[in-house]
Amino acid sequence: MAGILLAALFATPAQAAPADVPAGYACAVTYASVGWTTGFTARVTIANTGTRVFSPWILQFVFPGSQTIMQGWNATFSETPPSVQAASSWYTSISPGTSFNIGFNANGADDHPTGFTLNGVPCAVTYGPY
């Protein structure tokens, strides 16, 4: 009886992904920026930390203020301020265990977005040096 009780205490149900995130999808973003008088340059590293390929991909984030993108690279940028979308262009997929860099120049204060999603999947975020 004690063995059954111990097994029941240590058996935990598997943690499932949130209902709105398909199994196998996970991501991490590293955001690094450097400011100047009227704007900033940002480098964003998108990492696929899951087991499924993101293809095609769209990274979304929201600026905390009135920032606007002037120019971007390695993705097709569109925005309805303060929301920004960076879509796959020539590099259309991000495989598990790989990462991809995009970047942009923007007007406004060098304040970091607080959340990123990749194809709707919330990404873990870290802020690093440029």
N, C-alpha and C. Protein backbone atom coordinates (compact mmCIF):
# COMPACT_ATOMS: atom_id res chain seq x y z
N MET A 1 0.82 -1.19 0.00
CA MET A 1 0.00 0.00 0.00
C MET A 1 0.87 1.26 0.00
N ALA A 2 1.97 1.24 0.76
CA ALA A 2 2.85 2.40 0.81
C ALA A 2 3.45 2.70 -0.56
N GLY A 3 3.79 1.64 -1.32
CA GLY A 3 4.35 1.83 -2.66
C GLY A 3 3.35 2.50 -3.58
N ILE A 4 2.09 2.13 -3.47
CA ILE A 4 1.05 2.73 -4.31
C ILE A 4 0.87 4.20 -3.94
N LEU A 5 0.87 4.48 -2.64
CA LEU A 5 0.71 5.85 -2.18
C LEU A 5 1.88 6.72 -2.65
N LEU A 6 3.13 6.21 -2.54
CA LEU A 6 4.29 6.97 -3.01
C LEU A 6 4.22 7.20 -4.52
N ALA A 7 3.82 6.18 -5.27
CA ALA A 7 3.70 6.34 -6.71
C ALA A 7 2.67 7.40 -7.05
N ALA A 8 1.58 7.43 -6.33
CA ALA A 8 0.54 8.43 -6.57
C ALA A 8 1.03 9.83 -6.23
N LEU A 9 1.84 9.96 -5.18
CA LEU A 9 2.35 11.26 -4.79
C LEU A 9 3.32 11.83 -5.81
N PHE A 10 4.14 10.95 -6.41
CA PHE A 10 5.16 11.42 -7.33
C PHE A 10 4.72 11.41 -8.79
N ALA A 11 3.58 10.84 -9.08
CA ALA A 11 3.06 10.85 -10.46
C ALA A 11 2.39 12.20 -10.71
N THR A 12 2.86 12.90 -11.68
CA THR A 12 2.24 14.18 -12.03
C THR A 12 1.83 14.13 -13.50
N PRO A 13 0.72 14.72 -13.82
CA PRO A 13 0.32 14.72 -15.21
C PRO A 13 1.31 15.53 -16.05
N ALA A 14 1.46 15.13 -17.31
CA ALA A 14 2.36 15.86 -18.21
C ALA A 14 1.84 17.27 -18.40
N GLN A 15 2.77 18.22 -18.43
CA GLN A 15 2.40 19.60 -18.66
C GLN A 15 2.07 19.78 -20.14
N ALA A 16 0.90 20.21 -20.44
CA ALA A 16 0.49 20.45 -21.82
C ALA A 16 0.74 21.90 -22.19
N ALA A 17 0.97 22.12 -23.46
CA ALA A 17 1.10 23.49 -23.95
C ALA A 17 -0.26 24.17 -23.83
N PRO A 18 -0.30 25.49 -23.70
CA PRO A 18 -1.59 26.17 -23.67
C PRO A 18 -2.42 25.77 -24.88
N ALA A 19 -3.72 25.77 -24.72
CA ALA A 19 -4.63 25.28 -25.76
C ALA A 19 -4.44 25.99 -27.09
N ASP A 20 -4.05 27.26 -27.07
CA ASP A 20 -3.92 28.00 -28.31
C ASP A 20 -2.55 27.86 -28.97
N VAL A 21 -1.62 27.10 -28.39
CA VAL A 21 -0.29 26.88 -28.97
C VAL A 21 -0.18 25.42 -29.39
N PRO A 22 -0.03 25.16 -30.71
CA PRO A 22 0.11 23.78 -31.15
C PRO A 22 1.35 23.12 -30.54
N ALA A 23 1.26 21.84 -30.25
CA ALA A 23 2.37 21.10 -29.66
C ALA A 23 3.60 21.17 -30.56
N GLY A 24 4.76 21.30 -29.94
CA GLY A 24 6.02 21.30 -30.66
C GLY A 24 6.53 22.67 -31.07
N TYR A 25 5.71 23.70 -30.88
CA TYR A 25 6.15 25.05 -31.24
C TYR A 25 6.61 25.81 -30.01
N ALA A 26 7.83 26.35 -30.07
CA ALA A 26 8.38 27.17 -28.99
C ALA A 26 9.46 28.07 -29.59
N CYS A 27 9.65 29.24 -28.99
CA CYS A 27 10.61 30.18 -29.54
C CYS A 27 11.21 31.04 -28.44
N ALA A 28 12.34 31.65 -28.78
CA ALA A 28 13.00 32.59 -27.89
C ALA A 28 13.50 33.75 -28.74
N VAL A 29 13.43 34.95 -28.19
CA VAL A 29 13.88 36.15 -28.88
C VAL A 29 14.91 36.85 -28.01
N THR A 30 16.02 37.26 -28.63
CA THR A 30 16.98 38.13 -27.98
C THR A 30 16.92 39.47 -28.69
N TYR A 31 16.64 40.52 -27.94
CA TYR A 31 16.48 41.86 -28.49
C TYR A 31 17.62 42.72 -27.98
N ALA A 32 18.36 43.32 -28.91
CA ALA A 32 19.47 44.19 -28.54
C ALA A 32 19.33 45.48 -29.33
N SER A 33 19.56 46.61 -28.68
CA SER A 33 19.43 47.89 -29.37
C SER A 33 20.47 48.88 -28.88
N VAL A 34 20.69 49.89 -29.73
CA VAL A 34 21.57 50.99 -29.38
C VAL A 34 20.91 52.26 -29.87
N GLY A 35 20.81 53.25 -28.98
CA GLY A 35 20.10 54.47 -29.31
C GLY A 35 21.01 55.60 -29.72
N TRP A 36 20.40 56.56 -30.38
CA TRP A 36 21.05 57.82 -30.69
C TRP A 36 20.05 58.93 -30.41
N THR A 37 20.32 60.15 -30.77
CA THR A 37 19.50 61.30 -30.39
C THR A 37 18.03 61.16 -30.73
N THR A 38 17.70 60.72 -31.94
CA THR A 38 16.30 60.69 -32.37
C THR A 38 15.78 59.30 -32.69
N GLY A 39 16.56 58.27 -32.41
CA GLY A 39 16.11 56.92 -32.75
C GLY A 39 17.03 55.84 -32.24
N PHE A 40 16.97 54.68 -32.87
CA PHE A 40 17.78 53.54 -32.43
C PHE A 40 17.87 52.49 -33.52
N THR A 41 18.83 51.61 -33.36
CA THR A 41 19.00 50.43 -34.21
C THR A 41 18.78 49.22 -33.31
N ALA A 42 18.03 48.23 -33.82
CA ALA A 42 17.77 47.02 -33.05
C ALA A 42 18.15 45.78 -33.85
N ARG A 43 18.69 44.79 -33.15
CA ARG A 43 18.96 43.47 -33.72
C ARG A 43 18.10 42.49 -32.94
N VAL A 44 17.36 41.67 -33.65
CA VAL A 44 16.46 40.71 -33.04
C VAL A 44 16.87 39.32 -33.52
N THR A 45 17.23 38.46 -32.58
CA THR A 45 17.56 37.07 -32.90
C THR A 45 16.36 36.22 -32.54
N ILE A 46 15.86 35.49 -33.52
CA ILE A 46 14.70 34.62 -33.34
C ILE A 46 15.21 33.19 -33.31
N ALA A 47 14.96 32.47 -32.22
CA ALA A 47 15.41 31.08 -32.09
C ALA A 47 14.22 30.15 -32.01
N ASN A 48 14.28 29.07 -32.76
CA ASN A 48 13.26 28.03 -32.68
C ASN A 48 13.71 27.04 -31.61
N THR A 49 13.05 27.06 -30.47
CA THR A 49 13.41 26.18 -29.35
C THR A 49 12.47 24.98 -29.26
N GLY A 50 11.60 24.84 -30.23
CA GLY A 50 10.66 23.73 -30.25
C GLY A 50 11.14 22.59 -31.13
N THR A 51 10.19 21.76 -31.53
CA THR A 51 10.50 20.58 -32.35
C THR A 51 9.88 20.66 -33.74
N ARG A 52 9.16 21.74 -34.04
CA ARG A 52 8.52 21.89 -35.34
C ARG A 52 9.05 23.12 -36.06
N VAL A 53 9.02 23.09 -37.37
CA VAL A 53 9.53 24.18 -38.21
C VAL A 53 8.51 25.32 -38.25
N PHE A 54 9.00 26.56 -38.13
CA PHE A 54 8.17 27.75 -38.38
C PHE A 54 8.37 28.11 -39.85
N SER A 55 7.36 27.86 -40.69
CA SER A 55 7.48 28.16 -42.11
C SER A 55 6.11 28.34 -42.74
N PRO A 56 5.85 29.46 -43.34
CA PRO A 56 6.56 30.73 -43.22
C PRO A 56 6.40 31.27 -41.81
N TRP A 57 7.05 32.35 -41.50
CA TRP A 57 6.98 32.87 -40.13
C TRP A 57 6.66 34.36 -40.14
N ILE A 58 6.02 34.79 -39.04
CA ILE A 58 5.74 36.21 -38.79
C ILE A 58 6.03 36.49 -37.32
N LEU A 59 6.94 37.41 -37.08
CA LEU A 59 7.25 37.84 -35.71
C LEU A 59 6.44 39.11 -35.45
N GLN A 60 5.74 39.16 -34.34
CA GLN A 60 4.94 40.33 -33.98
C GLN A 60 5.37 40.87 -32.63
N PHE A 61 5.34 42.20 -32.51
CA PHE A 61 5.61 42.84 -31.23
C PHE A 61 4.98 44.22 -31.23
N VAL A 62 4.94 44.83 -30.05
CA VAL A 62 4.33 46.15 -29.89
C VAL A 62 5.34 47.06 -29.21
N PHE A 63 5.58 48.22 -29.83
CA PHE A 63 6.43 49.21 -29.20
C PHE A 63 5.70 49.82 -28.02
N PRO A 64 6.41 50.20 -26.95
CA PRO A 64 5.76 50.78 -25.77
C PRO A 64 5.40 52.25 -25.93
N GLY A 65 5.83 52.89 -27.01
CA GLY A 65 5.57 54.32 -27.19
C GLY A 65 5.19 54.62 -28.63
N SER A 66 5.71 55.72 -29.13
CA SER A 66 5.37 56.16 -30.48
C SER A 66 6.48 55.86 -31.49
N GLN A 67 7.27 54.84 -31.25
CA GLN A 67 8.35 54.47 -32.15
C GLN A 67 7.78 54.01 -33.51
N THR A 68 8.54 54.30 -34.57
CA THR A 68 8.18 53.82 -35.90
C THR A 68 9.44 53.37 -36.63
N ILE A 69 9.29 52.33 -37.42
CA ILE A 69 10.42 51.77 -38.16
C ILE A 69 10.68 52.60 -39.41
N MET A 70 11.96 52.93 -39.61
CA MET A 70 12.39 53.66 -40.81
C MET A 70 12.86 52.70 -41.89
N GLN A 71 13.57 51.65 -41.47
CA GLN A 71 14.14 50.71 -42.42
C GLN A 71 14.42 49.41 -41.69
N GLY A 72 14.27 48.28 -42.38
CA GLY A 72 14.55 46.99 -41.77
C GLY A 72 15.29 46.09 -42.74
N TRP A 73 15.85 45.00 -42.21
CA TRP A 73 16.57 44.05 -43.04
C TRP A 73 16.30 42.63 -42.58
N ASN A 74 16.47 41.69 -43.52
CA ASN A 74 16.28 40.25 -43.34
C ASN A 74 14.83 39.85 -43.07
N ALA A 75 13.89 40.76 -43.27
CA ALA A 75 12.47 40.46 -43.13
C ALA A 75 11.70 41.58 -43.83
N THR A 76 10.44 41.32 -44.08
CA THR A 76 9.55 42.35 -44.62
C THR A 76 8.78 42.94 -43.45
N PHE A 77 9.01 44.22 -43.16
CA PHE A 77 8.39 44.87 -42.02
C PHE A 77 7.14 45.62 -42.44
N SER A 78 6.13 45.53 -41.59
CA SER A 78 4.93 46.35 -41.74
C SER A 78 4.49 46.76 -40.34
N GLU A 79 3.80 47.86 -40.26
CA GLU A 79 3.38 48.30 -38.94
C GLU A 79 2.13 49.15 -39.01
N THR A 80 1.38 49.03 -37.95
CA THR A 80 0.28 49.93 -37.62
C THR A 80 0.62 50.37 -36.21
N PRO A 81 1.38 51.47 -36.09
CA PRO A 81 1.93 51.83 -34.77
C PRO A 81 0.87 51.78 -33.67
N PRO A 82 1.24 51.17 -32.56
CA PRO A 82 2.56 50.72 -32.14
C PRO A 82 2.87 49.26 -32.50
N SER A 83 1.99 48.57 -33.23
CA SER A 83 2.19 47.15 -33.57
C SER A 83 3.09 46.99 -34.79
N VAL A 84 3.97 45.99 -34.73
CA VAL A 84 4.92 45.72 -35.81
C VAL A 84 4.85 44.25 -36.18
N GLN A 85 4.95 43.97 -37.48
CA GLN A 85 5.07 42.61 -37.98
C GLN A 85 6.32 42.52 -38.83
N ALA A 86 7.11 41.48 -38.61
CA ALA A 86 8.26 41.18 -39.45
C ALA A 86 8.00 39.80 -40.04
N ALA A 87 7.86 39.74 -41.36
CA ALA A 87 7.50 38.48 -42.02
C ALA A 87 8.69 37.91 -42.77
N SER A 88 8.68 36.59 -42.89
CA SER A 88 9.74 35.92 -43.64
C SER A 88 9.76 36.46 -45.07
N SER A 89 10.96 36.65 -45.56
CA SER A 89 11.09 37.10 -46.95
C SER A 89 11.96 36.07 -47.66
N TRP A 90 13.24 36.28 -47.77
CA TRP A 90 14.08 35.31 -48.47
C TRP A 90 14.43 34.10 -47.60
N TYR A 91 14.41 34.21 -46.29
CA TYR A 91 14.69 33.10 -45.37
C TYR A 91 13.34 32.67 -44.81
N THR A 92 12.67 31.73 -45.46
CA THR A 92 11.25 31.49 -45.19
C THR A 92 10.96 30.52 -44.05
N SER A 93 11.96 29.82 -43.53
CA SER A 93 11.68 28.90 -42.43
C SER A 93 12.77 28.96 -41.37
N ILE A 94 12.35 28.66 -40.14
CA ILE A 94 13.28 28.58 -39.02
C ILE A 94 13.12 27.19 -38.42
N SER A 95 14.11 26.35 -38.63
CA SER A 95 14.05 24.95 -38.20
C SER A 95 14.35 24.82 -36.71
N PRO A 96 13.92 23.72 -36.08
CA PRO A 96 14.23 23.50 -34.66
C PRO A 96 15.73 23.56 -34.42
N GLY A 97 16.10 24.22 -33.35
CA GLY A 97 17.51 24.32 -32.96
C GLY A 97 18.30 25.37 -33.72
N THR A 98 17.63 26.15 -34.57
CA THR A 98 18.34 27.18 -35.32
C THR A 98 17.81 28.56 -34.94
N SER A 99 18.56 29.58 -35.35
CA SER A 99 18.12 30.95 -35.08
C SER A 99 18.36 31.80 -36.32
N PHE A 100 17.74 32.95 -36.34
CA PHE A 100 17.80 33.86 -37.48
C PHE A 100 17.78 35.28 -36.95
N ASN A 101 18.59 36.16 -37.57
CA ASN A 101 18.67 37.56 -37.14
C ASN A 101 17.94 38.47 -38.12
N ILE A 102 17.19 39.41 -37.56
CA ILE A 102 16.61 40.50 -38.33
C ILE A 102 16.99 41.79 -37.63
N GLY A 103 16.78 42.91 -38.28
CA GLY A 103 17.12 44.17 -37.63
C GLY A 103 16.37 45.32 -38.26
N PHE A 104 16.45 46.47 -37.57
CA PHE A 104 15.78 47.66 -38.08
C PHE A 104 16.34 48.91 -37.43
N ASN A 105 16.11 50.02 -38.12
CA ASN A 105 16.34 51.36 -37.57
C ASN A 105 14.97 51.96 -37.32
N ALA A 106 14.83 52.69 -36.22
CA ALA A 106 13.53 53.26 -35.87
C ALA A 106 13.69 54.67 -35.32
N ASN A 107 12.63 55.45 -35.47
CA ASN A 107 12.52 56.77 -34.86
C ASN A 107 11.93 56.61 -33.47
N GLY A 108 12.30 57.50 -32.56
CA GLY A 108 11.70 57.50 -31.24
C GLY A 108 12.64 56.99 -30.17
N ALA A 109 12.09 56.91 -28.97
CA ALA A 109 12.88 56.49 -27.81
C ALA A 109 13.26 55.03 -27.91
N ASP A 110 14.44 54.70 -27.40
CA ASP A 110 14.95 53.34 -27.42
C ASP A 110 14.37 52.55 -26.24
N ASP A 111 13.04 52.38 -26.25
CA ASP A 111 12.35 51.60 -25.22
C ASP A 111 12.01 50.24 -25.81
N HIS A 112 12.28 49.18 -25.06
CA HIS A 112 12.12 47.81 -25.57
C HIS A 112 10.68 47.34 -25.58
N PRO A 113 10.29 46.62 -26.65
CA PRO A 113 9.01 45.91 -26.60
C PRO A 113 9.07 44.87 -25.48
N THR A 114 7.95 44.56 -24.87
CA THR A 114 7.97 43.62 -23.74
C THR A 114 7.54 42.21 -24.13
N GLY A 115 7.02 42.01 -25.30
CA GLY A 115 6.59 40.67 -25.69
C GLY A 115 6.70 40.47 -27.18
N PHE A 116 7.00 39.23 -27.58
CA PHE A 116 7.12 38.86 -28.97
C PHE A 116 6.36 37.57 -29.19
N THR A 117 5.72 37.45 -30.35
CA THR A 117 5.11 36.18 -30.74
C THR A 117 5.63 35.81 -32.12
N LEU A 118 5.80 34.52 -32.34
CA LEU A 118 6.21 33.98 -33.63
C LEU A 118 5.08 33.08 -34.10
N ASN A 119 4.40 33.49 -35.17
CA ASN A 119 3.22 32.78 -35.66
C ASN A 119 2.19 32.58 -34.54
N GLY A 120 2.08 33.58 -33.68
CA GLY A 120 1.12 33.54 -32.59
C GLY A 120 1.61 32.83 -31.33
N VAL A 121 2.78 32.23 -31.38
CA VAL A 121 3.35 31.52 -30.22
C VAL A 121 4.15 32.53 -29.39
N PRO A 122 3.81 32.70 -28.10
CA PRO A 122 4.59 33.62 -27.26
C PRO A 122 6.03 33.12 -27.11
N CYS A 123 6.98 34.02 -27.27
CA CYS A 123 8.41 33.68 -27.18
C CYS A 123 8.99 34.13 -25.84
N ALA A 124 9.94 33.36 -25.34
CA ALA A 124 10.74 33.80 -24.20
C ALA A 124 11.60 34.96 -24.71
N VAL A 125 11.79 35.99 -23.88
CA VAL A 125 12.51 37.18 -24.33
C VAL A 125 13.67 37.49 -23.39
N THR A 126 14.82 37.79 -23.99
CA THR A 126 15.94 38.32 -23.24
C THR A 126 16.44 39.57 -23.95
N TYR A 127 17.02 40.46 -23.20
CA TYR A 127 17.57 41.70 -23.74
C TYR A 127 19.07 41.64 -23.58
N GLY A 128 19.77 41.83 -24.67
CA GLY A 128 21.22 41.71 -24.63
C GLY A 128 21.90 42.95 -25.14
N PRO A 129 23.22 42.99 -25.01
CA PRO A 129 23.98 44.13 -25.53
C PRO A 129 24.03 44.08 -27.05
N TYR A 130 24.07 45.25 -27.65
CA TYR A 130 24.18 45.32 -29.10
C TYR A 130 25.63 45.14 -29.44
